[in-house]
Amino acid sequence: MSLGLAHFLVLSAVIFSIGVIGVITRRNAIIVLMSIELMLNAANLALVAFSAFRQDPDGQIFVFFVIAVAAAEAAVGLALIMLLFRNRKSINVDDFNLMKW
């Protein structure tokens, strides 16, 4: 049995769905960031699957840029969480109402 494109796309959709559920249901900022990373990795899996299916390296090259953006997003996100934890003593997303009037 060989794995086809549909298998990888179903796995990518399942991983992306887990990430979406994590962003919607969780209130912990670190888990929200981890869920966003799951969604980016699911998109990367789909890009690599399409790239391998078409035998075109463009999708795999694009994945490197997505990984770089994800690393920068994680670094900036964790820095913001640390800053907010120092000021508010909480990492609950509902407690972060700094932009409200």
Protein backbone atom coordinates (compact mmCIF):
# COMPACT_ATOMS: atom_id res chain seq x y z
CA MET A 1 0.00 0.00 0.00
CA SER A 2 1.46 3.34 -0.99
CA LEU A 3 0.52 6.64 0.49
CA GLY A 4 -1.11 9.01 -1.93
CA LEU A 5 -1.74 12.71 -1.90
CA ALA A 6 -5.13 12.28 -0.25
CA HIS A 7 -3.58 10.61 2.81
CA PHE A 8 -1.27 13.54 3.42
CA LEU A 9 -4.02 16.08 2.87
CA VAL A 10 -6.33 14.31 5.32
CA LEU A 11 -3.55 14.26 7.91
CA SER A 12 -2.90 17.94 7.25
CA ALA A 13 -6.60 18.74 7.67
CA VAL A 14 -6.76 16.81 10.95
CA ILE A 15 -3.69 18.60 12.33
CA PHE A 16 -5.05 21.96 11.20
CA SER A 17 -8.40 21.22 12.84
CA ILE A 18 -6.68 20.36 16.12
CA GLY A 19 -4.87 23.70 15.93
CA VAL A 20 -8.09 25.61 15.26
CA ILE A 21 -9.84 23.91 18.16
CA GLY A 22 -6.88 24.76 20.40
CA VAL A 23 -6.99 28.44 19.43
CA ILE A 24 -10.75 28.69 19.90
CA THR A 25 -11.16 26.76 23.14
CA ARG A 26 -8.02 27.42 25.15
CA ARG A 27 -7.38 30.55 27.18
CA ASN A 28 -3.71 29.92 27.98
CA ALA A 29 -1.52 32.11 25.75
CA ILE A 30 1.23 29.50 25.41
CA ILE A 31 -1.24 26.85 24.26
CA VAL A 32 -2.72 29.33 21.79
CA LEU A 33 0.77 29.90 20.33
CA MET A 34 1.35 26.14 20.16
CA SER A 35 -1.97 25.74 18.34
CA ILE A 36 -0.96 28.39 15.82
CA GLU A 37 2.29 26.48 15.26
CA LEU A 38 0.23 23.32 14.65
CA MET A 39 -1.78 25.14 12.00
CA LEU A 40 1.40 26.39 10.30
CA ASN A 41 2.87 22.88 10.34
CA ALA A 42 -0.32 21.49 8.80
CA ALA A 43 -0.03 24.03 6.00
CA ASN A 44 3.62 23.05 5.56
CA LEU A 45 2.64 19.39 5.29
CA ALA A 46 0.10 20.21 2.60
CA LEU A 47 2.66 22.30 0.70
CA VAL A 48 5.25 19.53 0.81
CA ALA A 49 2.65 16.93 -0.25
CA PHE A 50 1.59 19.00 -3.26
CA SER A 51 5.22 19.69 -4.08
CA ALA A 52 6.10 16.01 -4.03
CA PHE A 53 2.98 15.10 -5.99
CA ARG A 54 3.78 17.61 -8.74
CA GLN A 55 7.54 16.90 -8.51
CA ASP A 56 8.19 20.61 -8.25
CA PRO A 57 10.49 21.97 -5.51
CA ASP A 58 8.72 25.35 -5.28
CA GLY A 59 6.44 24.21 -2.47
CA GLN A 60 9.34 22.89 -0.44
CA ILE A 61 11.23 26.15 -0.90
CA PHE A 62 8.16 28.07 0.27
CA VAL A 63 8.03 25.84 3.38
CA PHE A 64 11.44 27.15 4.45
CA PHE A 65 10.06 30.70 4.43
CA VAL A 66 7.00 29.62 6.42
CA ILE A 67 9.27 27.93 8.99
CA ALA A 68 11.34 31.11 9.30
CA VAL A 69 8.22 33.21 9.83
CA ALA A 70 6.92 30.68 12.37
CA ALA A 71 10.17 30.86 14.32
CA ALA A 72 10.04 34.65 14.37
CA GLU A 73 6.38 34.54 15.41
CA ALA A 74 7.18 32.16 18.26
CA ALA A 75 10.05 34.33 19.48
CA VAL A 76 8.01 37.55 19.40
CA GLY A 77 4.97 35.83 20.88
CA LEU A 78 6.92 34.35 23.77
CA ALA A 79 8.59 37.70 24.43
CA LEU A 80 5.17 39.38 24.60
CA ILE A 81 3.85 36.67 26.90
CA MET A 82 6.83 37.09 29.22
CA LEU A 83 6.32 40.85 29.28
CA LEU A 84 2.62 40.55 30.01
CA PHE A 85 3.28 37.93 32.69
CA ARG A 86 5.67 40.28 34.45
CA ASN A 87 3.05 43.03 34.50
CA ARG A 88 -0.18 41.05 35.00
CA LYS A 89 1.06 37.84 36.75
CA SER A 90 -1.14 35.78 34.42
CA ILE A 91 -0.94 34.22 30.97
CA ASN A 92 -4.70 33.89 30.56
CA VAL A 93 -5.78 35.44 27.27
CA ASP A 94 -8.94 36.87 28.83
CA ASP A 95 -6.85 38.95 31.25
CA PHE A 96 -5.04 40.79 28.45
CA ASN A 97 -7.28 43.79 27.91
CA LEU A 98 -4.52 46.34 27.45
CA MET A 99 -5.98 47.67 24.19
CA LYS A 100 -9.38 48.44 25.70
CA TRP A 101 -10.35 51.96 26.68
